[in-house]
């Protein structure tokens, strides 16, 4: 989770793609990454399993002239010995 947040902060969309289980329009992610300042990440909860894990985090991002705080619970799955982001659950 921390590495993906850092990748957003520096605009490394290739890393975001490599650590995701899905493919989508990543051009929007690049524009979002480029136009926002990623200020803080707090890990609130982490549940680790053998092939899936859940991370609840709070992110603070300055975008559109204001701080945007949000909490998300993310699901990660282990595929070929690599942890990949699968989806946001909340």
PDB file of N, CA and C in Angstrom:
ATOM      1  N   UNK A   1       0.821  -1.181   0.000  1.00  0.00           N
ATOM      2  CA  UNK A   1       0.000   0.000   0.000  1.00  0.00           C
ATOM      3  C   UNK A   1       0.868   1.248   0.000  1.00  0.00           C
ATOM      4  N   UNK A   2       1.882   1.243   0.844  1.00  0.00           N
ATOM      5  CA  UNK A   2       2.754   2.416   0.925  1.00  0.00           C
ATOM      6  C   UNK A   2       3.469   2.659  -0.399  1.00  0.00           C
ATOM      7  N   UNK A   3       3.885   1.588  -1.063  1.00  0.00           N
ATOM      8  CA  UNK A   3       4.601   1.765  -2.334  1.00  0.00           C
ATOM      9  C   UNK A   3       3.670   2.294  -3.419  1.00  0.00           C
ATOM     10  N   UNK A   4       2.409   1.878  -3.410  1.00  0.00           N
ATOM     11  CA  UNK A   4       1.456   2.378  -4.404  1.00  0.00           C
ATOM     12  C   UNK A   4       1.149   3.854  -4.152  1.00  0.00           C
ATOM     13  N   UNK A   5       0.982   4.239  -2.895  1.00  0.00           N
ATOM     14  CA  UNK A   5       0.746   5.640  -2.554  1.00  0.00           C
ATOM     15  C   UNK A   5       1.932   6.488  -3.015  1.00  0.00           C
ATOM     16  N   UNK A   6       3.137   5.999  -2.754  1.00  0.00           N
ATOM     17  CA  UNK A   6       4.348   6.711  -3.186  1.00  0.00           C
ATOM     18  C   UNK A   6       4.399   6.829  -4.704  1.00  0.00           C
ATOM     19  N   UNK A   7       3.986   5.771  -5.392  1.00  0.00           N
ATOM     20  CA  UNK A   7       3.972   5.804  -6.857  1.00  0.00           C
ATOM     21  C   UNK A   7       3.003   6.868  -7.371  1.00  0.00           C
ATOM     22  N   UNK A   8       1.839   6.982  -6.729  1.00  0.00           N
ATOM     23  CA  UNK A   8       0.916   8.058  -7.098  1.00  0.00           C
ATOM     24  C   UNK A   8       1.558   9.414  -6.856  1.00  0.00           C
ATOM     25  N   UNK A   9       2.243   9.546  -5.729  1.00  0.00           N
ATOM     26  CA  UNK A   9       2.836  10.833  -5.348  1.00  0.00           C
ATOM     27  C   UNK A   9       3.879  11.310  -6.349  1.00  0.00           C
ATOM     28  N   UNK A  10       4.627  10.383  -6.945  1.00  0.00           N
ATOM     29  CA  UNK A  10       5.673  10.785  -7.895  1.00  0.00           C
ATOM     30  C   UNK A  10       5.262  10.577  -9.352  1.00  0.00           C
ATOM     31  N   UNK A  11       4.021  10.128  -9.570  1.00  0.00           N
ATOM     32  CA  UNK A  11       3.534   9.960 -10.940  1.00  0.00           C
ATOM     33  C   UNK A  11       4.026   8.717 -11.646  1.00  0.00           C
ATOM     34  N   UNK A  12       4.388   7.677 -10.897  1.00  0.00           N
ATOM     35  CA  UNK A  12       4.878   6.434 -11.491  1.00  0.00           C
ATOM     36  C   UNK A  12       3.699   5.506 -11.807  1.00  0.00           C
ATOM     37  N   UNK A  13       2.973   5.831 -12.848  1.00  0.00           N
ATOM     38  CA  UNK A  13       1.775   5.076 -13.209  1.00  0.00           C
ATOM     39  C   UNK A  13       2.128   3.665 -13.684  1.00  0.00           C
ATOM     40  N   UNK A  14       3.299   3.477 -14.249  1.00  0.00           N
ATOM     41  CA  UNK A  14       3.725   2.121 -14.633  1.00  0.00           C
ATOM     42  C   UNK A  14       3.718   1.185 -13.432  1.00  0.00           C
ATOM     43  N   UNK A  15       4.155   1.691 -12.279  1.00  0.00           N
ATOM     44  CA  UNK A  15       4.156   0.876 -11.062  1.00  0.00           C
ATOM     45  C   UNK A  15       2.723   0.564 -10.623  1.00  0.00           C
ATOM     46  N   UNK A  16       1.845   1.547 -10.730  1.00  0.00           N
ATOM     47  CA  UNK A  16       0.443   1.330 -10.383  1.00  0.00           C
ATOM     48  C   UNK A  16      -0.145   0.216 -11.248  1.00  0.00           C
ATOM     49  N   UNK A  17       0.172   0.229 -12.530  1.00  0.00           N
ATOM     50  CA  UNK A  17      -0.313  -0.802 -13.450  1.00  0.00           C
ATOM     51  C   UNK A  17       0.258  -2.164 -13.071  1.00  0.00           C
ATOM     52  N   UNK A  18       1.544  -2.223 -12.801  1.00  0.00           N
ATOM     53  CA  UNK A  18       2.204  -3.492 -12.482  1.00  0.00           C
ATOM     54  C   UNK A  18       1.720  -4.102 -11.171  1.00  0.00           C
ATOM     55  N   UNK A  19       1.189  -3.285 -10.280  1.00  0.00           N
ATOM     56  CA  UNK A  19       0.754  -3.792  -8.979  1.00  0.00           C
ATOM     57  C   UNK A  19      -0.768  -3.870  -8.869  1.00  0.00           C
ATOM     58  N   UNK A  20      -1.452  -3.925 -10.005  1.00  0.00           N
ATOM     59  CA  UNK A  20      -2.908  -4.039 -10.043  1.00  0.00           C
ATOM     60  C   UNK A  20      -3.311  -5.307 -10.778  1.00  0.00           C
ATOM     61  N   UNK A  21      -4.466  -5.856 -10.413  1.00  0.00           N
ATOM     62  CA  UNK A  21      -4.972  -7.042 -11.101  1.00  0.00           C
ATOM     63  C   UNK A  21      -5.836  -6.687 -12.296  1.00  0.00           C
ATOM     64  N   UNK A  22      -6.111  -5.424 -12.498  1.00  0.00           N
ATOM     65  CA  UNK A  22      -7.024  -5.005 -13.563  1.00  0.00           C
ATOM     66  C   UNK A  22      -6.348  -4.010 -14.482  1.00  0.00           C
ATOM     67  N   UNK A  23      -6.913  -3.872 -15.630  1.00  0.00           N
ATOM     68  CA  UNK A  23      -6.459  -2.860 -16.582  1.00  0.00           C
ATOM     69  C   UNK A  23      -7.613  -1.899 -16.811  1.00  0.00           C
ATOM     70  N   UNK A  24      -7.322  -0.626 -16.797  1.00  0.00           N
ATOM     71  CA  UNK A  24      -8.348   0.378 -17.073  1.00  0.00           C
ATOM     72  C   UNK A  24      -7.667   1.585 -17.677  1.00  0.00           C
ATOM     73  N   UNK A  25      -8.397   2.652 -17.821  1.00  0.00           N
ATOM     74  CA  UNK A  25      -7.841   3.869 -18.406  1.00  0.00           C
ATOM     75  C   UNK A  25      -6.928   4.548 -17.396  1.00  0.00           C
ATOM     76  N   UNK A  26      -5.648   4.292 -17.528  1.00  0.00           N
ATOM     77  CA  UNK A  26      -4.689   4.849 -16.590  1.00  0.00           C
ATOM     78  C   UNK A  26      -4.301   6.285 -16.938  1.00  0.00           C
ATOM     79  N   UNK A  27      -4.752   6.804 -18.071  1.00  0.00           N
ATOM     80  CA  UNK A  27      -4.503   8.213 -18.402  1.00  0.00           C
ATOM     81  C   UNK A  27      -5.137   9.122 -17.356  1.00  0.00           C
ATOM     82  N   UNK A  28      -6.322   8.749 -16.884  1.00  0.00           N
ATOM     83  CA  UNK A  28      -6.984   9.533 -15.846  1.00  0.00           C
ATOM     84  C   UNK A  28      -6.174   9.525 -14.557  1.00  0.00           C
ATOM     85  N   UNK A  29      -5.568   8.393 -14.239  1.00  0.00           N
ATOM     86  CA  UNK A  29      -4.741   8.299 -13.038  1.00  0.00           C
ATOM     87  C   UNK A  29      -3.508   9.185 -13.143  1.00  0.00           C
ATOM     88  N   UNK A  30      -2.918   9.255 -14.308  1.00  0.00           N
ATOM     89  CA  UNK A  30      -1.744  10.106 -14.527  1.00  0.00           C
ATOM     90  C   UNK A  30      -2.121  11.569 -14.331  1.00  0.00           C
ATOM     91  N   UNK A  31      -3.236  11.980 -14.890  1.00  0.00           N
ATOM     92  CA  UNK A  31      -3.690  13.360 -14.735  1.00  0.00           C
ATOM     93  C   UNK A  31      -3.976  13.668 -13.267  1.00  0.00           C
ATOM     94  N   UNK A  32      -4.598  12.735 -12.576  1.00  0.00           N
ATOM     95  CA  UNK A  32      -4.890  12.896 -11.146  1.00  0.00           C
ATOM     96  C   UNK A  32      -3.592  13.004 -10.352  1.00  0.00           C
ATOM     97  N   UNK A  33      -2.673  12.124 -10.626  1.00  0.00           N
ATOM     98  CA  UNK A  33      -1.387  12.121  -9.928  1.00  0.00           C
ATOM     99  C   UNK A  33      -0.626  13.423 -10.153  1.00  0.00           C
ATOM    100  N   UNK A  34      -0.647  13.902 -11.386  1.00  0.00           N
ATOM    101  CA  UNK A  34       0.089  15.121 -11.737  1.00  0.00           C
ATOM    102  C   UNK A  34      -0.534  16.389 -11.143  1.00  0.00           C
ATOM    103  N   UNK A  35      -1.834  16.374 -10.917  1.00  0.00           N
ATOM    104  CA  UNK A  35      -2.510  17.598 -10.482  1.00  0.00           C
ATOM    105  C   UNK A  35      -2.728  17.686  -8.973  1.00  0.00           C
ATOM    106  N   UNK A  36      -2.365  16.645  -8.241  1.00  0.00           N
ATOM    107  CA  UNK A  36      -2.604  16.624  -6.802  1.00  0.00           C
ATOM    108  C   UNK A  36      -1.298  16.465  -6.032  1.00  0.00           C
ATOM    109  N   UNK A  37      -1.319  16.917  -4.791  1.00  0.00           N
ATOM    110  CA  UNK A  37      -0.185  16.741  -3.890  1.00  0.00           C
ATOM    111  C   UNK A  37      -0.560  15.703  -2.837  1.00  0.00           C
ATOM    112  N   UNK A  38       0.173  14.628  -2.801  1.00  0.00           N
ATOM    113  CA  UNK A  38      -0.092  13.538  -1.871  1.00  0.00           C
ATOM    114  C   UNK A  38       0.664  13.843  -0.576  1.00  0.00           C
ATOM    115  N   UNK A  39      -0.094  14.191   0.468  1.00  0.00           N
ATOM    116  CA  UNK A  39       0.500  14.746   1.670  1.00  0.00           C
ATOM    117  C   UNK A  39       0.744  13.729   2.779  1.00  0.00           C
ATOM    118  N   UNK A  40      -0.155  12.747   2.946  1.00  0.00           N
ATOM    119  CA  UNK A  40      -0.012  11.864   4.101  1.00  0.00           C
ATOM    120  C   UNK A  40      -0.769  10.559   3.882  1.00  0.00           C
ATOM    121  N   UNK A  41      -0.182   9.475   4.364  1.00  0.00           N
ATOM    122  CA  UNK A  41      -0.820   8.159   4.344  1.00  0.00           C
ATOM    123  C   UNK A  41      -0.723   7.574   5.742  1.00  0.00           C
ATOM    124  N   UNK A  42      -1.853   7.128   6.263  1.00  0.00           N
ATOM    125  CA  UNK A  42      -1.883   6.458   7.561  1.00  0.00           C
ATOM    126  C   UNK A  42      -2.500   5.075   7.376  1.00  0.00           C
ATOM    127  N   UNK A  43      -1.786   4.051   7.789  1.00  0.00           N
ATOM    128  CA  UNK A  43      -2.337   2.698   7.764  1.00  0.00           C
ATOM    129  C   UNK A  43      -3.131   2.522   9.053  1.00  0.00           C
ATOM    130  N   UNK A  44      -4.420   2.264   8.936  1.00  0.00           N
ATOM    131  CA  UNK A  44      -5.292   2.138  10.097  1.00  0.00           C
ATOM    132  C   UNK A  44      -5.447   0.695  10.545  1.00  0.00           C
ATOM    133  N   UNK A  45      -5.437  -0.230   9.577  1.00  0.00           N
ATOM    134  CA  UNK A  45      -5.603  -1.652   9.908  1.00  0.00           C
ATOM    135  C   UNK A  45      -5.006  -2.487   8.792  1.00  0.00           C
ATOM    136  N   UNK A  46      -4.419  -3.608   9.166  1.00  0.00           N
ATOM    137  CA  UNK A  46      -3.829  -4.523   8.193  1.00  0.00           C
ATOM    138  C   UNK A  46      -4.170  -5.944   8.611  1.00  0.00           C
ATOM    139  N   UNK A  47      -4.790  -6.692   7.702  1.00  0.00           N
ATOM    140  CA  UNK A  47      -5.111  -8.104   7.941  1.00  0.00           C
ATOM    141  C   UNK A  47      -4.459  -8.920   6.841  1.00  0.00           C
ATOM    142  N   UNK A  48      -3.549  -9.768   7.239  1.00  0.00           N
ATOM    143  CA  UNK A  48      -2.740 -10.535   6.292  1.00  0.00           C
ATOM    144  C   UNK A  48      -3.188 -11.989   6.278  1.00  0.00           C
ATOM    145  N   UNK A  49      -3.384 -12.509   5.088  1.00  0.00           N
ATOM    146  CA  UNK A  49      -3.689 -13.919   4.918  1.00  0.00           C
ATOM    147  C   UNK A  49      -2.663 -14.541   3.990  1.00  0.00           C
ATOM    148  N   UNK A  50      -2.818 -15.818   3.718  1.00  0.00           N
ATOM    149  CA  UNK A  50      -1.852 -16.492   2.853  1.00  0.00           C
ATOM    150  C   UNK A  50      -1.917 -16.000   1.416  1.00  0.00           C
ATOM    151  N   UNK A  51      -3.127 -15.784   0.913  1.00  0.00           N
ATOM    152  CA  UNK A  51      -3.281 -15.371  -0.488  1.00  0.00           C
ATOM    153  C   UNK A  51      -4.092 -14.095  -0.684  1.00  0.00           C
ATOM    154  N   UNK A  52      -4.551 -13.510   0.405  1.00  0.00           N
ATOM    155  CA  UNK A  52      -5.233 -12.233   0.303  1.00  0.00           C
ATOM    156  C   UNK A  52      -4.970 -11.429   1.580  1.00  0.00           C
ATOM    157  N   UNK A  53      -4.993 -10.113   1.415  1.00  0.00           N
ATOM    158  CA  UNK A  53      -4.755  -9.215   2.531  1.00  0.00           C
ATOM    159  C   UNK A  53      -5.657  -8.000   2.377  1.00  0.00           C
ATOM    160  N   UNK A  54      -5.924  -7.353   3.499  1.00  0.00           N
ATOM    161  CA  UNK A  54      -6.780  -6.182   3.515  1.00  0.00           C
ATOM    162  C   UNK A  54      -6.059  -5.062   4.255  1.00  0.00           C
ATOM    163  N   UNK A  55      -6.053  -3.885   3.655  1.00  0.00           N
ATOM    164  CA  UNK A  55      -5.414  -2.724   4.255  1.00  0.00           C
ATOM    165  C   UNK A  55      -6.444  -1.598   4.304  1.00  0.00           C
ATOM    166  N   UNK A  56      -6.677  -1.094   5.505  1.00  0.00           N
ATOM    167  CA  UNK A  56      -7.523   0.085   5.665  1.00  0.00           C
ATOM    168  C   UNK A  56      -6.594   1.256   5.922  1.00  0.00           C
ATOM    169  N   UNK A  57      -6.764   2.306   5.135  1.00  0.00           N
ATOM    170  CA  UNK A  57      -5.860   3.445   5.240  1.00  0.00           C
ATOM    171  C   UNK A  57      -6.624   4.754   5.143  1.00  0.00           C
ATOM    172  N   UNK A  58      -5.982   5.798   5.623  1.00  0.00           N
ATOM    173  CA  UNK A  58      -6.491   7.164   5.476  1.00  0.00           C
ATOM    174  C   UNK A  58      -5.467   7.931   4.659  1.00  0.00           C
ATOM    175  N   UNK A  59      -5.916   8.569   3.596  1.00  0.00           N
ATOM    176  CA  UNK A  59      -5.042   9.354   2.735  1.00  0.00           C
ATOM    177  C   UNK A  59      -5.441  10.824   2.806  1.00  0.00           C
ATOM    178  N   UNK A  60      -4.435  11.682   2.820  1.00  0.00           N
ATOM    179  CA  UNK A  60      -4.648  13.118   2.740  1.00  0.00           C
ATOM    180  C   UNK A  60      -3.989  13.593   1.456  1.00  0.00           C
ATOM    181  N   UNK A  61      -4.804  14.157   0.581  1.00  0.00           N
ATOM    182  CA  UNK A  61      -4.350  14.590  -0.735  1.00  0.00           C
ATOM    183  C   UNK A  61      -4.860  16.004  -0.979  1.00  0.00           C
ATOM    184  N   UNK A  62      -3.965  16.902  -1.363  1.00  0.00           N
ATOM    185  CA  UNK A  62      -4.355  18.270  -1.682  1.00  0.00           C
ATOM    186  C   UNK A  62      -4.645  18.332  -3.180  1.00  0.00           C
ATOM    187  N   UNK A  63      -5.907  18.605  -3.491  1.00  0.00           N
ATOM    188  CA  UNK A  63      -6.328  18.604  -4.884  1.00  0.00           C
ATOM    189  C   UNK A  63      -7.494  19.581  -5.035  1.00  0.00           C
ATOM    190  N   UNK A  64      -7.512  20.298  -6.132  1.00  0.00           N
ATOM    191  CA  UNK A  64      -8.583  21.266  -6.384  1.00  0.00           C
ATOM    192  C   UNK A  64      -8.689  22.303  -5.263  1.00  0.00           C
ATOM    193  N   UNK A  65      -7.550  22.791  -4.810  1.00  0.00           N
ATOM    194  CA  UNK A  65      -7.459  23.882  -3.835  1.00  0.00           C
ATOM    195  C   UNK A  65      -7.947  23.522  -2.435  1.00  0.00           C
ATOM    196  N   UNK A  66      -8.000  22.228  -2.111  1.00  0.00           N
ATOM    197  CA  UNK A  66      -8.394  21.855  -0.753  1.00  0.00           C
ATOM    198  C   UNK A  66      -7.833  20.483  -0.405  1.00  0.00           C
ATOM    199  N   UNK A  67      -7.748  20.237   0.904  1.00  0.00           N
ATOM    200  CA  UNK A  67      -7.337  18.923   1.367  1.00  0.00           C
ATOM    201  C   UNK A  67      -8.502  17.959   1.208  1.00  0.00           C
ATOM    202  N   UNK A  68      -8.208  16.809   0.661  1.00  0.00           N
ATOM    203  CA  UNK A  68      -9.205  15.757   0.508  1.00  0.00           C
ATOM    204  C   UNK A  68      -8.740  14.568   1.328  1.00  0.00           C
ATOM    205  N   UNK A  69      -9.470  14.257   2.393  1.00  0.00           N
ATOM    206  CA  UNK A  69      -9.161  13.106   3.225  1.00  0.00           C
ATOM    207  C   UNK A  69     -10.161  12.006   2.911  1.00  0.00           C
ATOM    208  N   UNK A  70      -9.675  10.790   2.794  1.00  0.00           N
ATOM    209  CA  UNK A  70     -10.603   9.685   2.627  1.00  0.00           C
ATOM    210  C   UNK A  70     -10.030   8.433   3.266  1.00  0.00           C
ATOM    211  N   UNK A  71     -10.929   7.543   3.634  1.00  0.00           N
ATOM    212  CA  UNK A  71     -10.559   6.250   4.205  1.00  0.00           C
ATOM    213  C   UNK A  71     -11.026   5.182   3.234  1.00  0.00           C
ATOM    214  N   UNK A  72     -10.152   4.228   2.993  1.00  0.00           N
ATOM    215  CA  UNK A  72     -10.476   3.138   2.078  1.00  0.00           C
ATOM    216  C   UNK A  72      -9.974   1.821   2.653  1.00  0.00           C
ATOM    217  N   UNK A  73     -10.741   0.780   2.434  1.00  0.00           N
ATOM    218  CA  UNK A  73     -10.294  -0.581   2.728  1.00  0.00           C
ATOM    219  C   UNK A  73      -9.997  -1.233   1.384  1.00  0.00           C
ATOM    220  N   UNK A  74      -8.753  -1.623   1.186  1.00  0.00           N
ATOM    221  CA  UNK A  74      -8.319  -2.202  -0.084  1.00  0.00           C
ATOM    222  C   UNK A  74      -8.058  -3.692   0.068  1.00  0.00           C
ATOM    223  N   UNK A  75      -8.368  -4.418  -0.975  1.00  0.00           N
ATOM    224  CA  UNK A  75      -8.097  -5.861  -1.009  1.00  0.00           C
ATOM    225  C   UNK A  75      -6.918  -6.112  -1.938  1.00  0.00           C
ATOM    226  N   UNK A  76      -5.962  -6.888  -1.448  1.00  0.00           N
ATOM    227  CA  UNK A  76      -4.808  -7.319  -2.227  1.00  0.00           C
ATOM    228  C   UNK A  76      -4.830  -8.835  -2.329  1.00  0.00           C
ATOM    229  N   UNK A  77      -4.425  -9.358  -3.465  1.00  0.00           N
ATOM    230  CA  UNK A  77      -4.340 -10.802  -3.650  1.00  0.00           C
ATOM    231  C   UNK A  77      -2.927 -11.182  -4.079  1.00  0.00           C
ATOM    232  N   UNK A  78      -2.519 -12.380  -3.692  1.00  0.00           N
ATOM    233  CA  UNK A  78      -1.185 -12.870  -4.040  1.00  0.00           C
ATOM    234  C   UNK A  78      -1.296 -13.747  -5.278  1.00  0.00           C
ATOM    235  N   UNK A  79      -0.636 -13.324  -6.346  1.00  0.00           N
ATOM    236  CA  UNK A  79      -0.636 -14.054  -7.611  1.00  0.00           C
ATOM    237  C   UNK A  79       0.813 -14.220  -8.047  1.00  0.00           C
ATOM    238  N   UNK A  80       1.221 -15.468  -8.269  1.00  0.00           N
ATOM    239  CA  UNK A  80       2.606 -15.751  -8.668  1.00  0.00           C
ATOM    240  C   UNK A  80       3.619 -15.107  -7.717  1.00  0.00           C
ATOM    241  N   UNK A  81       3.351 -15.238  -6.416  1.00  0.00           N
ATOM    242  CA  UNK A  81       4.239 -14.720  -5.369  1.00  0.00           C
ATOM    243  C   UNK A  81       4.349 -13.194  -5.339  1.00  0.00           C
ATOM    244  N   UNK A  82       3.406 -12.491  -5.967  1.00  0.00           N
ATOM    245  CA  UNK A  82       3.400 -11.018  -5.961  1.00  0.00           C
ATOM    246  C   UNK A  82       2.074 -10.529  -5.403  1.00  0.00           C
ATOM    247  N   UNK A  83       2.148  -9.529  -4.533  1.00  0.00           N
ATOM    248  CA  UNK A  83       0.930  -8.923  -3.989  1.00  0.00           C
ATOM    249  C   UNK A  83       0.434  -7.852  -4.962  1.00  0.00           C
ATOM    250  N   UNK A  84      -0.840  -7.972  -5.351  1.00  0.00           N
ATOM    251  CA  UNK A  84      -1.436  -7.052  -6.315  1.00  0.00           C
ATOM    252  C   UNK A  84      -2.720  -6.462  -5.746  1.00  0.00           C
ATOM    253  N   UNK A  85      -2.919  -5.194  -6.018  1.00  0.00           N
ATOM    254  CA  UNK A  85      -4.146  -4.517  -5.622  1.00  0.00           C
ATOM    255  C   UNK A  85      -5.284  -5.068  -6.469  1.00  0.00           C
ATOM    256  N   UNK A  86      -6.397  -5.440  -5.795  1.00  0.00           N
ATOM    257  CA  UNK A  86      -7.535  -5.967  -6.538  1.00  0.00           C
ATOM    258  C   UNK A  86      -8.704  -4.993  -6.572  1.00  0.00           C
ATOM    259  N   UNK A  87      -9.066  -4.436  -5.403  1.00  0.00           N
ATOM    260  CA  UNK A  87     -10.236  -3.565  -5.399  1.00  0.00           C
ATOM    261  C   UNK A  87     -10.345  -2.786  -4.096  1.00  0.00           C
ATOM    262  N   UNK A  88     -11.101  -1.696  -4.175  1.00  0.00           N
ATOM    263  CA  UNK A  88     -11.473  -0.939  -2.989  1.00  0.00           C
ATOM    264  C   UNK A  88     -12.797  -1.505  -2.487  1.00  0.00           C
ATOM    265  N   UNK A  89     -12.855  -1.817  -1.210  1.00  0.00           N
ATOM    266  CA  UNK A  89     -14.078  -2.389  -0.638  1.00  0.00           C
ATOM    267  C   UNK A  89     -14.961  -1.334   0.002  1.00  0.00           C
ATOM    268  N   UNK A  90     -14.378  -0.218   0.374  1.00  0.00           N
ATOM    269  CA  UNK A  90     -15.195   0.848   0.973  1.00  0.00           C
ATOM    270  C   UNK A  90     -14.510   2.175   0.776  1.00  0.00           C
TER     271      UNK A  90
END
